[in-house]
Amino acid sequence: MAVSILIADDDELLRDLVKEVFEEEGFKVYAAANGEEALDIFWNCPEIALVILDIMMPKLDGMQVLCEIRERAEIPVIMLTALGDSASELSSLQNGASDFVSKPFHYEILVERVKNLLRLMKVQGMDNIQVGILEIDPTGHKVFVRNKEVILNNKEFQLLELLVLNQNIVLSREKILDRIWGYDYEGDIRTIDTHVKMLRANLGPAGRYIKTIRGVGYLFEEAL
C-alpha cells in the first residue's frame, strides 16, 4: 500500500511539482493551498503518515497548522522556510517540527528527507536492532556491544543508525553528509571520515562492521 503524505503550500506551481515528484516515487499525495484546507484534509485522512508545510500560507500559516497537528498527533512534519530564515527554522523546531527545508530546494533532497523520516518512524516502532555483537535501541538512543553500553554523541548515533538502516548498501560521503548534517552544511566533507573514525573507535570490536569503500564512502556489513 502506498504511503500517504500531505503537501500544503499556496504556491500552485511548487505544490503541483512536489505532488508529481512524490507520486512518481510511489506515494499517495494530498495537496492543500492554505492552512485551513491542510487541517481539513489531515483530520479527514487518518492514513496520512507525514506532512510538508509551507510557513507562509493564507488563512492559517504553517506554524499554526503545525501547532494544531502537534496537539493530537506525533507524525513527522517538515517545514518549508525561506532561505536563511533562521528565526522561522528555530521556531519550527521549538514547536515540534521534525525537520525543515529551505527554499529554493532540490526536489531530490526533499524526497530523501521524507524517506529518512518515515524510515526512522518505522524503526522507533520496532524492537531493538541486533547485528552480530552490536545492539541498537532506537527509542532509547542506546547502543550496546556484547551487552555493554557504548556512549555515543548524537551525530555518532545518527551516523550508526543511518548505516545500519542501509546495511549492505554503499553510502557516499555526499549522501551521508546530506542525511546527517543537511544539504546546506558548509563545512568540510572530511568531517564524515572523522566521525566514522570516532564511531569505529567507540564501537570497539563492532567497529569492523563499518567498511570503507575507497573513493566512494562507507558500507555497514556484519563481519564474518
Protein backbone atom coordinates (compact mmCIF):
# COMPACT_ATOMS: atom_id res chain seq x y z
CA MET A 1 0.00 0.00 0.00
CA ALA A 2 1.30 3.46 -0.94
CA VAL A 3 2.36 5.76 1.89
CA SER A 4 0.16 8.87 2.10
CA ILE A 5 1.62 12.34 2.64
CA LEU A 6 0.19 15.86 2.64
CA ILE A 7 1.82 18.88 0.97
CA ALA A 8 0.46 22.32 1.88
CA ASP A 9 1.73 25.38 0.00
CA ASP A 10 -0.05 28.34 -1.58
CA ASP A 11 2.41 28.33 -4.49
CA GLU A 12 0.43 26.30 -7.01
CA LEU A 13 3.39 25.56 -9.29
CA LEU A 14 5.61 24.31 -6.47
CA ARG A 15 2.75 22.35 -4.91
CA ASP A 16 1.94 20.59 -8.17
CA LEU A 17 5.60 19.81 -8.85
CA VAL A 18 6.12 18.35 -5.39
CA LYS A 19 2.95 16.29 -5.79
CA GLU A 20 4.15 14.96 -9.14
CA VAL A 21 7.63 14.12 -7.84
CA PHE A 22 6.31 12.14 -4.88
CA GLU A 23 3.68 10.35 -6.94
CA GLU A 24 6.46 9.22 -9.25
CA GLU A 25 8.19 7.82 -6.14
CA GLY A 26 5.09 5.76 -5.36
CA PHE A 27 3.49 7.95 -2.68
CA LYS A 28 -0.18 8.90 -2.45
CA VAL A 29 -0.19 12.69 -2.19
CA TYR A 30 -2.84 15.03 -0.80
CA ALA A 31 -2.41 18.72 -1.63
CA ALA A 32 -3.70 21.87 0.10
CA ALA A 33 -3.45 25.53 -0.91
CA ASN A 34 -3.83 27.06 2.57
CA GLY A 35 -3.68 26.19 6.26
CA GLU A 36 -7.39 25.61 6.77
CA GLU A 37 -7.57 23.22 3.83
CA ALA A 38 -4.49 21.41 5.13
CA LEU A 39 -6.10 20.78 8.52
CA ASP A 40 -9.39 19.68 6.93
CA ILE A 41 -7.56 17.12 4.81
CA PHE A 42 -5.35 16.00 7.68
CA TRP A 43 -8.19 15.32 10.14
CA ASN A 44 -10.27 13.57 7.48
CA CYS A 45 -7.49 11.33 6.19
CA PRO A 46 -6.02 9.38 9.13
CA GLU A 47 -3.79 7.40 6.75
CA ILE A 48 -1.53 10.44 6.21
CA ALA A 49 1.92 9.47 7.52
CA LEU A 50 3.82 12.74 7.00
CA VAL A 51 3.06 16.42 6.37
CA ILE A 52 5.04 19.05 4.43
CA LEU A 53 4.04 22.59 5.40
CA ASP A 54 5.00 25.95 3.94
CA ILE A 55 5.29 28.52 6.73
CA MET A 56 3.77 31.41 4.79
CA MET A 57 0.20 30.42 3.84
CA PRO A 58 -3.15 32.26 3.84
CA LYS A 59 -5.98 31.67 6.35
CA LEU A 60 -3.74 29.70 8.71
CA ASP A 61 0.04 29.81 8.38
CA GLY A 62 2.23 26.75 8.59
CA MET A 63 3.22 27.37 12.21
CA GLN A 64 -0.44 27.45 13.28
CA VAL A 65 -1.11 24.24 11.39
CA LEU A 66 1.93 22.61 12.99
CA CYS A 67 0.73 23.52 16.48
CA GLU A 68 -2.77 22.13 15.74
CA ILE A 69 -1.29 18.86 14.48
CA ARG A 70 1.04 18.55 17.45
CA GLU A 71 -1.86 18.78 19.89
CA ARG A 72 -3.14 15.39 18.72
CA ALA A 73 -0.55 13.69 16.52
CA GLU A 74 3.17 12.85 16.54
CA ILE A 75 3.69 12.15 12.85
CA PRO A 76 6.67 13.73 11.07
CA VAL A 77 6.20 17.32 9.87
CA ILE A 78 8.65 19.05 7.52
CA MET A 79 8.51 22.83 7.34
CA LEU A 80 9.39 24.77 4.18
CA THR A 81 11.15 28.02 5.07
CA ALA A 82 12.60 30.97 3.18
CA LEU A 83 16.33 30.65 2.54
CA GLY A 84 18.29 31.96 5.51
CA ASP A 85 15.22 32.45 7.69
CA SER A 86 16.90 31.08 10.81
CA ALA A 87 14.23 32.54 13.13
CA SER A 88 11.50 30.53 11.39
CA GLU A 89 13.67 27.42 11.41
CA LEU A 90 14.24 27.73 15.15
CA SER A 91 10.57 28.43 15.84
CA SER A 92 9.58 25.42 13.73
CA LEU A 93 11.80 23.08 15.72
CA GLN A 94 10.65 24.56 19.03
CA ASN A 95 7.03 23.94 18.04
CA GLY A 96 7.65 20.30 17.18
CA ALA A 97 8.72 20.23 13.53
CA SER A 98 10.66 17.11 12.63
CA ASP A 99 12.79 18.85 10.02
CA PHE A 100 12.89 21.91 7.77
CA VAL A 101 13.94 22.56 4.20
CA SER A 102 14.90 25.99 2.92
CA LYS A 103 13.54 27.34 -0.36
CA PRO A 104 14.61 27.05 -3.08
CA PHE A 105 15.44 23.37 -2.74
CA HIS A 106 16.24 20.35 -4.87
CA TYR A 107 13.26 18.02 -5.09
CA GLU A 108 15.54 15.02 -4.68
CA ILE A 109 16.66 16.40 -1.31
CA LEU A 110 13.06 16.75 -0.11
CA VAL A 111 12.29 13.18 -1.20
CA GLU A 112 15.28 11.85 0.72
CA ARG A 113 14.34 13.84 3.84
CA VAL A 114 10.83 12.38 3.71
CA LYS A 115 12.06 8.82 3.21
CA ASN A 116 14.54 9.20 6.05
CA LEU A 117 11.90 10.46 8.49
CA LEU A 118 9.48 7.69 7.55
CA ARG A 119 12.25 5.13 7.97
CA LEU A 120 13.11 6.47 11.42
CA MET A 121 9.44 6.43 12.46
CA LYS A 122 9.28 2.79 11.42
CA VAL A 123 12.38 1.99 13.41
CA GLN A 124 11.00 3.71 16.51
CA GLY A 125 8.13 1.25 16.47
CA MET A 126 10.48 -1.71 16.23
CA ASP A 127 12.27 -3.76 18.84
CA ASN A 128 15.99 -3.34 19.31
CA ILE A 129 18.13 -3.95 16.23
CA GLN A 130 20.64 -6.77 16.63
CA VAL A 131 23.56 -7.18 14.24
CA GLY A 132 26.19 -9.63 15.42
CA ILE A 133 27.65 -8.34 18.69
CA LEU A 134 26.02 -4.93 18.15
CA GLU A 135 22.60 -3.98 19.53
CA ILE A 136 20.80 -0.67 18.95
CA ASP A 137 17.86 0.63 20.95
CA PRO A 138 16.31 3.18 18.52
CA THR A 139 13.78 4.51 21.01
CA GLY A 140 16.19 4.93 23.91
CA HIS A 141 19.06 6.06 21.68
CA LYS A 142 21.33 3.47 23.27
CA VAL A 143 23.98 1.21 21.76
CA PHE A 144 25.40 -2.00 23.20
CA VAL A 145 28.41 -4.07 22.16
CA ARG A 146 28.47 -7.54 23.70
CA ASN A 147 25.75 -6.36 26.10
CA LYS A 148 27.86 -3.48 27.37
CA GLU A 149 26.52 0.03 26.73
CA VAL A 150 28.61 2.25 24.46
CA ILE A 151 28.28 6.01 24.83
CA LEU A 152 27.93 7.87 21.52
CA ASN A 153 27.23 11.53 20.88
CA ASN A 154 24.17 12.49 18.85
CA LYS A 155 25.94 12.70 15.48
CA GLU A 156 27.67 9.35 16.02
CA PHE A 157 24.36 7.70 16.90
CA GLN A 158 22.65 9.19 13.83
CA LEU A 159 25.54 8.03 11.66
CA LEU A 160 25.42 4.49 13.06
CA GLU A 161 21.64 4.32 12.69
CA LEU A 162 21.84 5.51 9.08
CA LEU A 163 24.50 2.92 8.23
CA VAL A 164 22.59 0.08 9.92
CA LEU A 165 19.29 1.02 8.25
CA ASN A 166 21.12 0.82 4.92
CA GLN A 167 23.00 -2.38 5.76
CA ASN A 168 24.91 -3.86 2.81
CA ILE A 169 24.36 -0.65 0.79
CA VAL A 170 27.27 1.63 -0.05
CA LEU A 171 26.53 5.20 1.08
CA SER A 172 28.53 8.01 -0.49
CA ARG A 173 30.03 10.69 1.70
CA GLU A 174 27.74 13.21 -0.01
CA LYS A 175 24.61 11.23 0.89
CA ILE A 176 25.73 10.77 4.50
CA LEU A 177 26.51 14.48 4.77
CA ASP A 178 23.06 15.40 3.45
CA ARG A 179 21.21 12.95 5.71
CA ILE A 180 23.03 13.83 8.94
CA TRP A 181 24.28 17.40 8.53
CA GLY A 182 21.81 18.71 5.94
CA TYR A 183 22.36 19.66 2.30
CA ASP A 184 23.15 23.27 3.23
CA TYR A 185 26.06 22.28 5.50
CA GLU A 186 29.05 24.44 4.58
CA GLY A 187 31.79 22.53 6.40
CA ASP A 188 34.38 20.13 5.04
CA ILE A 189 33.08 16.80 3.75
CA ARG A 190 36.05 15.18 5.52
CA THR A 191 34.09 15.60 8.75
CA ILE A 192 32.41 12.32 7.69
CA ASP A 193 35.75 10.49 7.87
CA THR A 194 36.48 11.99 11.28
CA HIS A 195 33.13 10.91 12.70
CA VAL A 196 33.42 7.43 11.21
CA LYS A 197 36.87 7.07 12.80
CA MET A 198 35.48 8.12 16.19
CA LEU A 199 32.45 5.84 15.80
CA ARG A 200 34.62 2.84 14.96
CA ALA A 201 36.81 3.51 17.98
CA ASN A 202 33.81 3.81 20.31
CA LEU A 203 32.24 0.61 18.96
CA GLY A 204 35.39 -1.38 19.69
CA PRO A 205 35.20 -4.84 18.12
CA ALA A 206 31.90 -3.93 16.39
CA GLY A 207 33.68 -1.11 14.57
CA ARG A 208 34.83 -3.64 11.96
CA TYR A 209 31.24 -3.75 10.64
CA ILE A 210 31.81 -0.30 9.08
CA LYS A 211 33.76 -0.80 5.85
CA THR A 212 35.48 1.95 3.89
CA ILE A 213 34.74 1.88 0.17
CA ARG A 214 37.73 3.75 -1.23
CA GLY A 215 36.82 6.79 -3.29
CA VAL A 216 33.10 6.43 -2.57
CA GLY A 217 32.02 6.23 1.05
CA TYR A 218 31.05 3.62 3.62
CA LEU A 219 29.27 0.29 3.91
CA PHE A 220 27.81 -1.38 7.02
CA GLU A 221 28.20 -5.14 6.78
CA GLU A 222 28.29 -7.78 9.50
CA ALA A 223 31.81 -9.19 9.59
CA LEU A 224 32.27 -12.96 9.47
